[in-house]
Amino acid sequence: MTEETGRPERDPEAVSRFVEHFAAQLVMAGMPRMPARVFAALLVSDTGAGSSAELGEALRISPAAVSGAVRYLDQQHLVSREREPGSRRERYRVHGDQWYEALTNREAVIRRWQDALREGVASVGPDSPAGRRLGETLAFFEFVEKEVETIMERWRAHRDETFGRG
């Protein structure tokens, strides 16, 4: 335990290994490498935030690489940007509800896909082989959208019970 914080000391090498390992898992799921590393680094930060310089130093990457990564993460609703009071310098923050935000963003994408699929079914005819295939794909996304809503309601109840929110 450190005297200043009262928390156990961290092994910087173990933390670095975790960041790289978790980032690799995110990359395998389709996230670009630099955003995955920046996201993982923010997750392990006690404050959940960091400046471009702090992230660059921790990950040994350039400020430009941090900037590009944060742009991607912001578009995915996984981090937010905030100004340091009295400064032009930005800090980047990951929130406890980042997964909820990311899924909510995905729901909007799913709705756009549904609209496009409806148009596709109408254009090729619902009884054609292509129309049936598009119709089944549409039904899948409609099913997923409903299930995600149910899962998120259950998650909020579970989170409130487990972590005392609400």
N, C-alpha and C. Protein backbone atom coordinates (compact mmCIF):
# COMPACT_ATOMS: atom_id res chain seq x y z
N MET A 1 0.85 -1.18 0.00
CA MET A 1 0.00 0.00 0.00
C MET A 1 0.89 1.24 0.00
N THR A 2 0.45 2.24 -0.74
CA THR A 2 1.20 3.49 -0.73
C THR A 2 0.63 4.37 0.37
N GLU A 3 1.48 5.15 1.00
CA GLU A 3 1.03 6.03 2.07
C GLU A 3 0.12 7.13 1.55
N GLU A 4 0.40 7.62 0.33
CA GLU A 4 -0.37 8.74 -0.23
C GLU A 4 -1.81 8.35 -0.54
N THR A 5 -2.00 7.18 -1.13
CA THR A 5 -3.33 6.82 -1.62
C THR A 5 -4.04 5.78 -0.77
N GLY A 6 -3.28 4.99 -0.01
CA GLY A 6 -3.89 3.92 0.75
C GLY A 6 -4.29 2.74 -0.12
N ARG A 7 -3.90 2.76 -1.38
CA ARG A 7 -4.21 1.67 -2.31
C ARG A 7 -2.97 0.84 -2.54
N PRO A 8 -3.16 -0.40 -2.94
CA PRO A 8 -2.00 -1.24 -3.25
C PRO A 8 -1.18 -0.64 -4.39
N GLU A 9 0.13 -0.85 -4.31
CA GLU A 9 0.99 -0.38 -5.41
C GLU A 9 0.73 -1.22 -6.64
N ARG A 10 0.87 -0.58 -7.78
CA ARG A 10 0.69 -1.28 -9.05
C ARG A 10 2.03 -1.64 -9.63
N ASP A 11 2.05 -2.76 -10.29
CA ASP A 11 3.23 -3.16 -11.03
C ASP A 11 3.08 -2.59 -12.43
N PRO A 12 3.84 -1.55 -12.78
CA PRO A 12 3.68 -0.91 -14.09
C PRO A 12 3.80 -1.89 -15.26
N GLU A 13 4.68 -2.87 -15.13
CA GLU A 13 4.83 -3.86 -16.21
C GLU A 13 3.58 -4.71 -16.36
N ALA A 14 2.98 -5.10 -15.24
CA ALA A 14 1.75 -5.90 -15.29
C ALA A 14 0.61 -5.09 -15.90
N VAL A 15 0.53 -3.81 -15.53
CA VAL A 15 -0.50 -2.94 -16.09
C VAL A 15 -0.29 -2.80 -17.60
N SER A 16 0.94 -2.59 -18.01
CA SER A 16 1.26 -2.45 -19.44
C SER A 16 0.90 -3.73 -20.19
N ARG A 17 1.22 -4.87 -19.60
CA ARG A 17 0.87 -6.15 -20.25
C ARG A 17 -0.64 -6.27 -20.40
N PHE A 18 -1.39 -5.88 -19.36
CA PHE A 18 -2.85 -5.94 -19.44
C PHE A 18 -3.35 -5.02 -20.55
N VAL A 19 -2.86 -3.79 -20.60
CA VAL A 19 -3.30 -2.84 -21.63
C VAL A 19 -3.10 -3.45 -23.01
N GLU A 20 -1.93 -4.00 -23.26
CA GLU A 20 -1.64 -4.57 -24.58
C GLU A 20 -2.48 -5.82 -24.85
N HIS A 21 -2.69 -6.64 -23.81
CA HIS A 21 -3.50 -7.85 -23.99
C HIS A 21 -4.96 -7.49 -24.27
N PHE A 22 -5.52 -6.58 -23.48
CA PHE A 22 -6.92 -6.20 -23.69
C PHE A 22 -7.08 -5.50 -25.03
N ALA A 23 -6.12 -4.65 -25.38
CA ALA A 23 -6.17 -3.98 -26.69
C ALA A 23 -6.16 -5.02 -27.81
N ALA A 24 -5.37 -6.06 -27.66
CA ALA A 24 -5.32 -7.11 -28.69
C ALA A 24 -6.68 -7.80 -28.82
N GLN A 25 -7.38 -7.98 -27.70
CA GLN A 25 -8.72 -8.57 -27.75
C GLN A 25 -9.68 -7.65 -28.50
N LEU A 26 -9.58 -6.35 -28.25
CA LEU A 26 -10.43 -5.39 -28.94
C LEU A 26 -10.12 -5.38 -30.45
N VAL A 27 -8.85 -5.48 -30.79
CA VAL A 27 -8.45 -5.52 -32.20
C VAL A 27 -9.04 -6.76 -32.88
N MET A 28 -9.00 -7.89 -32.19
CA MET A 28 -9.57 -9.11 -32.77
C MET A 28 -11.08 -8.98 -32.98
N ALA A 29 -11.71 -8.10 -32.19
CA ALA A 29 -13.15 -7.87 -32.33
C ALA A 29 -13.45 -6.79 -33.38
N GLY A 30 -12.40 -6.19 -33.97
CA GLY A 30 -12.62 -5.25 -35.06
C GLY A 30 -12.23 -3.81 -34.80
N MET A 31 -11.78 -3.49 -33.60
CA MET A 31 -11.37 -2.11 -33.31
C MET A 31 -9.96 -1.89 -33.85
N PRO A 32 -9.69 -0.73 -34.44
CA PRO A 32 -8.32 -0.44 -34.88
C PRO A 32 -7.34 -0.45 -33.69
N ARG A 33 -6.09 -0.74 -33.99
CA ARG A 33 -5.08 -0.96 -32.94
C ARG A 33 -4.86 0.24 -32.02
N MET A 34 -4.61 1.42 -32.57
CA MET A 34 -4.33 2.57 -31.71
C MET A 34 -5.52 2.95 -30.83
N PRO A 35 -6.74 3.03 -31.38
CA PRO A 35 -7.87 3.30 -30.49
C PRO A 35 -8.03 2.24 -29.40
N ALA A 36 -7.75 0.99 -29.72
CA ALA A 36 -7.86 -0.07 -28.72
C ALA A 36 -6.85 0.15 -27.59
N ARG A 37 -5.65 0.53 -27.93
CA ARG A 37 -4.62 0.77 -26.91
C ARG A 37 -4.97 1.98 -26.05
N VAL A 38 -5.42 3.05 -26.68
CA VAL A 38 -5.79 4.26 -25.93
C VAL A 38 -6.97 3.95 -25.01
N PHE A 39 -7.96 3.24 -25.51
CA PHE A 39 -9.13 2.89 -24.71
C PHE A 39 -8.72 2.06 -23.49
N ALA A 40 -7.89 1.06 -23.71
CA ALA A 40 -7.42 0.21 -22.61
C ALA A 40 -6.64 1.02 -21.59
N ALA A 41 -5.81 1.94 -22.06
CA ALA A 41 -5.03 2.78 -21.14
C ALA A 41 -5.94 3.67 -20.30
N LEU A 42 -6.99 4.19 -20.90
CA LEU A 42 -7.94 5.00 -20.13
C LEU A 42 -8.69 4.15 -19.11
N LEU A 43 -9.03 2.93 -19.47
CA LEU A 43 -9.74 2.05 -18.55
C LEU A 43 -8.93 1.75 -17.30
N VAL A 44 -7.63 1.60 -17.42
CA VAL A 44 -6.82 1.26 -16.25
C VAL A 44 -6.40 2.47 -15.44
N SER A 45 -6.68 3.66 -15.94
CA SER A 45 -6.36 4.88 -15.21
C SER A 45 -7.35 5.05 -14.07
N ASP A 46 -6.86 5.37 -12.87
CA ASP A 46 -7.77 5.57 -11.73
C ASP A 46 -8.80 6.66 -12.00
N THR A 47 -8.40 7.70 -12.71
CA THR A 47 -9.33 8.80 -13.00
C THR A 47 -10.20 8.50 -14.21
N GLY A 48 -9.79 7.53 -15.02
CA GLY A 48 -10.51 7.24 -16.25
C GLY A 48 -10.30 8.31 -17.29
N ALA A 49 -9.27 9.12 -17.10
CA ALA A 49 -9.01 10.25 -18.00
C ALA A 49 -7.51 10.41 -18.22
N GLY A 50 -7.19 11.12 -19.29
CA GLY A 50 -5.79 11.42 -19.55
C GLY A 50 -5.67 12.44 -20.66
N SER A 51 -4.57 13.16 -20.63
CA SER A 51 -4.29 14.11 -21.70
C SER A 51 -3.58 13.38 -22.83
N SER A 52 -3.45 14.05 -23.95
CA SER A 52 -2.73 13.49 -25.08
C SER A 52 -1.30 13.16 -24.68
N ALA A 53 -0.66 14.08 -23.95
CA ALA A 53 0.72 13.86 -23.53
C ALA A 53 0.83 12.66 -22.59
N GLU A 54 -0.09 12.54 -21.64
CA GLU A 54 -0.05 11.42 -20.70
C GLU A 54 -0.25 10.09 -21.42
N LEU A 55 -1.22 10.06 -22.31
CA LEU A 55 -1.49 8.83 -23.05
C LEU A 55 -0.33 8.48 -23.97
N GLY A 56 0.21 9.49 -24.65
CA GLY A 56 1.35 9.25 -25.53
C GLY A 56 2.54 8.70 -24.78
N GLU A 57 2.81 9.26 -23.59
CA GLU A 57 3.93 8.78 -22.78
C GLU A 57 3.68 7.35 -22.29
N ALA A 58 2.47 7.09 -21.80
CA ALA A 58 2.15 5.77 -21.27
C ALA A 58 2.24 4.69 -22.34
N LEU A 59 1.81 5.03 -23.56
CA LEU A 59 1.76 4.04 -24.63
C LEU A 59 2.95 4.12 -25.58
N ARG A 60 3.80 5.13 -25.38
CA ARG A 60 4.96 5.37 -26.24
C ARG A 60 4.52 5.57 -27.69
N ILE A 61 3.55 6.48 -27.86
CA ILE A 61 3.05 6.83 -29.19
C ILE A 61 3.02 8.34 -29.34
N SER A 62 2.91 8.80 -30.55
CA SER A 62 2.93 10.24 -30.83
C SER A 62 1.60 10.90 -30.48
N PRO A 63 1.63 12.21 -30.24
CA PRO A 63 0.38 12.94 -30.02
C PRO A 63 -0.59 12.80 -31.20
N ALA A 64 -0.07 12.71 -32.41
CA ALA A 64 -0.93 12.53 -33.59
C ALA A 64 -1.65 11.18 -33.53
N ALA A 65 -0.95 10.15 -33.06
CA ALA A 65 -1.56 8.83 -32.93
C ALA A 65 -2.66 8.86 -31.87
N VAL A 66 -2.41 9.57 -30.77
CA VAL A 66 -3.43 9.71 -29.72
C VAL A 66 -4.64 10.45 -30.28
N SER A 67 -4.39 11.53 -31.00
CA SER A 67 -5.48 12.33 -31.57
C SER A 67 -6.36 11.51 -32.49
N GLY A 68 -5.75 10.74 -33.38
CA GLY A 68 -6.52 9.89 -34.29
C GLY A 68 -7.30 8.82 -33.55
N ALA A 69 -6.68 8.24 -32.53
CA ALA A 69 -7.35 7.21 -31.74
C ALA A 69 -8.55 7.79 -31.00
N VAL A 70 -8.36 8.95 -30.41
CA VAL A 70 -9.45 9.59 -29.66
C VAL A 70 -10.59 9.99 -30.59
N ARG A 71 -10.26 10.45 -31.78
CA ARG A 71 -11.30 10.79 -32.76
C ARG A 71 -12.19 9.58 -33.03
N TYR A 72 -11.56 8.43 -33.25
CA TYR A 72 -12.31 7.19 -33.49
C TYR A 72 -13.15 6.82 -32.27
N LEU A 73 -12.54 6.84 -31.08
CA LEU A 73 -13.25 6.46 -29.86
C LEU A 73 -14.41 7.40 -29.55
N ASP A 74 -14.24 8.68 -29.86
CA ASP A 74 -15.31 9.65 -29.67
C ASP A 74 -16.48 9.35 -30.61
N GLN A 75 -16.18 9.03 -31.85
CA GLN A 75 -17.22 8.68 -32.83
C GLN A 75 -17.99 7.43 -32.42
N GLN A 76 -17.32 6.53 -31.70
CA GLN A 76 -17.94 5.29 -31.24
C GLN A 76 -18.62 5.47 -29.88
N HIS A 77 -18.57 6.69 -29.33
CA HIS A 77 -19.15 7.01 -28.02
C HIS A 77 -18.50 6.23 -26.89
N LEU A 78 -17.21 5.97 -27.02
CA LEU A 78 -16.48 5.26 -25.98
C LEU A 78 -15.69 6.20 -25.09
N VAL A 79 -15.39 7.39 -25.56
CA VAL A 79 -14.73 8.41 -24.74
C VAL A 79 -15.37 9.76 -25.03
N SER A 80 -15.11 10.69 -24.13
CA SER A 80 -15.54 12.07 -24.37
C SER A 80 -14.34 12.98 -24.17
N ARG A 81 -14.45 14.14 -24.75
CA ARG A 81 -13.39 15.15 -24.63
C ARG A 81 -13.85 16.19 -23.62
N GLU A 82 -12.92 16.67 -22.83
CA GLU A 82 -13.24 17.76 -21.90
C GLU A 82 -12.03 18.68 -21.79
N ARG A 83 -12.30 19.92 -21.55
CA ARG A 83 -11.22 20.90 -21.38
C ARG A 83 -10.79 20.95 -19.93
N GLU A 84 -9.49 21.07 -19.74
CA GLU A 84 -8.99 21.30 -18.39
C GLU A 84 -9.35 22.74 -18.02
N PRO A 85 -9.89 22.97 -16.82
CA PRO A 85 -10.26 24.33 -16.42
C PRO A 85 -9.08 25.30 -16.56
N GLY A 86 -9.33 26.43 -17.22
CA GLY A 86 -8.31 27.45 -17.40
C GLY A 86 -7.23 27.09 -18.40
N SER A 87 -7.48 26.10 -19.23
CA SER A 87 -6.46 25.64 -20.17
C SER A 87 -7.11 25.34 -21.52
N ARG A 88 -6.29 25.36 -22.55
CA ARG A 88 -6.78 24.95 -23.87
C ARG A 88 -6.58 23.46 -24.07
N ARG A 89 -5.89 22.83 -23.12
CA ARG A 89 -5.56 21.42 -23.23
C ARG A 89 -6.79 20.54 -23.00
N GLU A 90 -6.95 19.54 -23.84
CA GLU A 90 -8.06 18.61 -23.69
C GLU A 90 -7.65 17.39 -22.90
N ARG A 91 -8.61 16.84 -22.19
CA ARG A 91 -8.46 15.55 -21.53
C ARG A 91 -9.51 14.63 -22.14
N TYR A 92 -9.19 13.39 -22.16
CA TYR A 92 -10.09 12.40 -22.73
C TYR A 92 -10.54 11.48 -21.60
N ARG A 93 -11.83 11.22 -21.55
CA ARG A 93 -12.39 10.45 -20.44
C ARG A 93 -13.23 9.28 -20.93
N VAL A 94 -13.02 8.16 -20.28
CA VAL A 94 -13.86 6.99 -20.51
C VAL A 94 -14.87 6.99 -19.35
N HIS A 95 -16.09 6.64 -19.64
CA HIS A 95 -17.14 6.66 -18.63
C HIS A 95 -17.52 5.24 -18.24
N GLY A 96 -18.12 5.10 -17.06
CA GLY A 96 -18.54 3.79 -16.60
C GLY A 96 -19.62 3.18 -17.49
N ASP A 97 -20.33 4.02 -18.21
CA ASP A 97 -21.41 3.51 -19.05
C ASP A 97 -21.02 3.47 -20.53
N GLN A 98 -19.71 3.34 -20.80
CA GLN A 98 -19.26 3.37 -22.19
C GLN A 98 -19.85 2.24 -23.01
N TRP A 99 -20.08 1.09 -22.43
CA TRP A 99 -20.63 -0.03 -23.20
C TRP A 99 -22.08 0.24 -23.55
N TYR A 100 -22.80 0.83 -22.61
CA TYR A 100 -24.19 1.20 -22.87
C TYR A 100 -24.25 2.20 -24.03
N GLU A 101 -23.40 3.22 -23.96
CA GLU A 101 -23.37 4.24 -25.02
C GLU A 101 -23.02 3.62 -26.37
N ALA A 102 -22.04 2.73 -26.37
CA ALA A 102 -21.64 2.10 -27.63
C ALA A 102 -22.77 1.25 -28.20
N LEU A 103 -23.47 0.51 -27.35
CA LEU A 103 -24.59 -0.30 -27.83
C LEU A 103 -25.73 0.57 -28.32
N THR A 104 -26.00 1.66 -27.60
CA THR A 104 -27.05 2.57 -28.02
C THR A 104 -26.74 3.13 -29.40
N ASN A 105 -25.48 3.48 -29.63
CA ASN A 105 -25.06 3.96 -30.93
C ASN A 105 -25.26 2.88 -31.99
N ARG A 106 -24.99 1.64 -31.65
CA ARG A 106 -25.16 0.53 -32.59
C ARG A 106 -26.64 0.35 -32.94
N GLU A 107 -27.53 0.62 -31.99
CA GLU A 107 -28.96 0.50 -32.28
C GLU A 107 -29.36 1.45 -33.41
N ALA A 108 -28.82 2.65 -33.42
CA ALA A 108 -29.13 3.59 -34.50
C ALA A 108 -28.63 3.04 -35.84
N VAL A 109 -27.47 2.42 -35.83
CA VAL A 109 -26.93 1.80 -37.05
C VAL A 109 -27.85 0.67 -37.50
N ILE A 110 -28.29 -0.14 -36.56
CA ILE A 110 -29.18 -1.26 -36.89
C ILE A 110 -30.48 -0.75 -37.50
N ARG A 111 -31.01 0.35 -36.96
CA ARG A 111 -32.24 0.92 -37.53
C ARG A 111 -32.02 1.39 -38.96
N ARG A 112 -30.88 1.99 -39.24
CA ARG A 112 -30.59 2.42 -40.62
C ARG A 112 -30.47 1.21 -41.54
N TRP A 113 -29.85 0.14 -41.06
CA TRP A 113 -29.75 -1.07 -41.86
C TRP A 113 -31.14 -1.63 -42.14
N GLN A 114 -32.02 -1.59 -41.12
CA GLN A 114 -33.38 -2.08 -41.32
C GLN A 114 -34.09 -1.29 -42.43
N ASP A 115 -33.95 0.02 -42.39
CA ASP A 115 -34.57 0.86 -43.42
C ASP A 115 -34.04 0.49 -44.81
N ALA A 116 -32.73 0.31 -44.91
CA ALA A 116 -32.13 -0.04 -46.19
C ALA A 116 -32.61 -1.42 -46.64
N LEU A 117 -32.71 -2.36 -45.72
CA LEU A 117 -33.17 -3.70 -46.07
C LEU A 117 -34.63 -3.69 -46.53
N ARG A 118 -35.47 -2.88 -45.88
CA ARG A 118 -36.87 -2.76 -46.32
C ARG A 118 -36.93 -2.26 -47.78
N GLU A 119 -36.08 -1.29 -48.07
CA GLU A 119 -36.01 -0.77 -49.44
C GLU A 119 -35.54 -1.86 -50.40
N GLY A 120 -34.57 -2.65 -49.96
CA GLY A 120 -34.08 -3.74 -50.79
C GLY A 120 -35.14 -4.78 -51.07
N VAL A 121 -35.90 -5.15 -50.04
CA VAL A 121 -36.98 -6.13 -50.22
C VAL A 121 -37.99 -5.60 -51.23
N ALA A 122 -38.35 -4.33 -51.08
CA ALA A 122 -39.32 -3.73 -52.00
C ALA A 122 -38.77 -3.69 -53.43
N SER A 123 -37.47 -3.46 -53.57
CA SER A 123 -36.91 -3.31 -54.91
C SER A 123 -36.76 -4.64 -55.64
N VAL A 124 -36.51 -5.73 -54.92
CA VAL A 124 -36.33 -7.02 -55.60
C VAL A 124 -37.57 -7.90 -55.51
N GLY A 125 -38.53 -7.47 -54.68
CA GLY A 125 -39.76 -8.26 -54.51
C GLY A 125 -39.62 -9.23 -53.35
N PRO A 126 -40.59 -9.24 -52.44
CA PRO A 126 -40.49 -10.08 -51.24
C PRO A 126 -40.53 -11.58 -51.52
N ASP A 127 -41.06 -11.98 -52.67
CA ASP A 127 -41.17 -13.41 -52.97
C ASP A 127 -40.02 -13.95 -53.81
N SER A 128 -39.11 -13.08 -54.21
CA SER A 128 -37.94 -13.55 -54.97
C SER A 128 -36.94 -14.17 -53.99
N PRO A 129 -36.01 -14.99 -54.49
CA PRO A 129 -34.98 -15.55 -53.59
C PRO A 129 -34.21 -14.44 -52.86
N ALA A 130 -33.84 -13.38 -53.57
CA ALA A 130 -33.12 -12.27 -52.95
C ALA A 130 -34.02 -11.57 -51.93
N GLY A 131 -35.29 -11.39 -52.26
CA GLY A 131 -36.23 -10.74 -51.34
C GLY A 131 -36.41 -11.53 -50.06
N ARG A 132 -36.48 -12.86 -50.18
CA ARG A 132 -36.61 -13.70 -48.98
C ARG A 132 -35.34 -13.60 -48.13
N ARG A 133 -34.18 -13.61 -48.80
CA ARG A 133 -32.91 -13.50 -48.07
C ARG A 133 -32.82 -12.15 -47.36
N LEU A 134 -33.17 -11.07 -48.07
CA LEU A 134 -33.15 -9.74 -47.45
C LEU A 134 -34.18 -9.65 -46.33
N GLY A 135 -35.35 -10.26 -46.53
CA GLY A 135 -36.39 -10.26 -45.50
C GLY A 135 -35.95 -10.98 -44.24
N GLU A 136 -35.24 -12.09 -44.41
CA GLU A 136 -34.74 -12.81 -43.24
C GLU A 136 -33.67 -11.98 -42.52
N THR A 137 -32.83 -11.32 -43.27
CA THR A 137 -31.82 -10.45 -42.66
C THR A 137 -32.49 -9.32 -41.90
N LEU A 138 -33.52 -8.73 -42.49
CA LEU A 138 -34.29 -7.67 -41.82
C LEU A 138 -34.90 -8.20 -40.53
N ALA A 139 -35.51 -9.38 -40.58
CA ALA A 139 -36.12 -9.96 -39.38
C ALA A 139 -35.08 -10.19 -38.29
N PHE A 140 -33.88 -10.61 -38.70
CA PHE A 140 -32.80 -10.80 -37.72
C PHE A 140 -32.48 -9.48 -37.00
N PHE A 141 -32.31 -8.41 -37.76
CA PHE A 141 -31.96 -7.13 -37.14
C PHE A 141 -33.11 -6.57 -36.30
N GLU A 142 -34.34 -6.81 -36.69
CA GLU A 142 -35.48 -6.40 -35.86
C GLU A 142 -35.46 -7.17 -34.54
N PHE A 143 -35.16 -8.47 -34.61
CA PHE A 143 -35.05 -9.30 -33.41
C PHE A 143 -33.93 -8.80 -32.51
N VAL A 144 -32.77 -8.54 -33.09
CA VAL A 144 -31.61 -8.06 -32.31
C VAL A 144 -31.95 -6.75 -31.63
N GLU A 145 -32.59 -5.83 -32.34
CA GLU A 145 -32.93 -4.53 -31.75
C GLU A 145 -33.80 -4.71 -30.50
N LYS A 146 -34.82 -5.56 -30.58
CA LYS A 146 -35.69 -5.80 -29.42
C LYS A 146 -34.92 -6.45 -28.28
N GLU A 147 -34.08 -7.40 -28.60
CA GLU A 147 -33.31 -8.09 -27.57
C GLU A 147 -32.32 -7.16 -26.88
N VAL A 148 -31.69 -6.27 -27.62
CA VAL A 148 -30.75 -5.33 -27.01
C VAL A 148 -31.49 -4.42 -26.03
N GLU A 149 -32.68 -3.96 -26.38
CA GLU A 149 -33.47 -3.14 -25.47
C GLU A 149 -33.73 -3.89 -24.17
N THR A 150 -34.13 -5.15 -24.27
CA THR A 150 -34.41 -5.97 -23.09
C THR A 150 -33.15 -6.19 -22.26
N ILE A 151 -32.06 -6.50 -22.93
CA ILE A 151 -30.79 -6.72 -22.23
C ILE A 151 -30.37 -5.46 -21.49
N MET A 152 -30.52 -4.29 -22.11
CA MET A 152 -30.09 -3.05 -21.47
C MET A 152 -30.96 -2.74 -20.25
N GLU A 153 -32.24 -3.02 -20.30
CA GLU A 153 -33.10 -2.84 -19.13
C GLU A 153 -32.64 -3.75 -18.00
N ARG A 154 -32.35 -5.01 -18.33
CA ARG A 154 -31.88 -5.96 -17.33
C ARG A 154 -30.52 -5.54 -16.78
N TRP A 155 -29.65 -5.03 -17.65
CA TRP A 155 -28.33 -4.58 -17.20
C TRP A 155 -28.46 -3.44 -16.20
N ARG A 156 -29.30 -2.44 -16.51
CA ARG A 156 -29.45 -1.31 -15.59
C ARG A 156 -29.92 -1.78 -14.21
N ALA A 157 -30.88 -2.69 -14.17
CA ALA A 157 -31.37 -3.22 -12.89
C ALA A 157 -30.25 -3.97 -12.17
N HIS A 158 -29.52 -4.79 -12.89
CA HIS A 158 -28.41 -5.55 -12.30
C HIS A 158 -27.32 -4.61 -11.79
N ARG A 159 -26.97 -3.61 -12.60
CA ARG A 159 -25.94 -2.64 -12.20
C ARG A 159 -26.36 -1.91 -10.94
N ASP A 160 -27.61 -1.46 -10.89
CA ASP A 160 -28.09 -0.72 -9.72
C ASP A 160 -28.03 -1.60 -8.47
N GLU A 161 -28.41 -2.85 -8.62
CA GLU A 161 -28.39 -3.78 -7.48
C GLU A 161 -26.95 -4.08 -7.05
N THR A 162 -26.09 -4.31 -8.02
CA THR A 162 -24.71 -4.71 -7.73
C THR A 162 -23.85 -3.56 -7.23
N PHE A 163 -24.02 -2.39 -7.85
CA PHE A 163 -23.13 -1.26 -7.54
C PHE A 163 -23.83 -0.14 -6.79
N GLY A 164 -25.08 -0.35 -6.41
CA GLY A 164 -25.79 0.63 -5.59
C GLY A 164 -26.12 1.93 -6.29
N ARG A 165 -26.41 1.85 -7.57
CA ARG A 165 -26.81 3.05 -8.30
C ARG A 165 -28.31 3.11 -8.36
N GLY A 166 -28.79 4.25 -8.78
CA GLY A 166 -30.22 4.32 -9.04
C GLY A 166 -30.94 5.42 -8.38
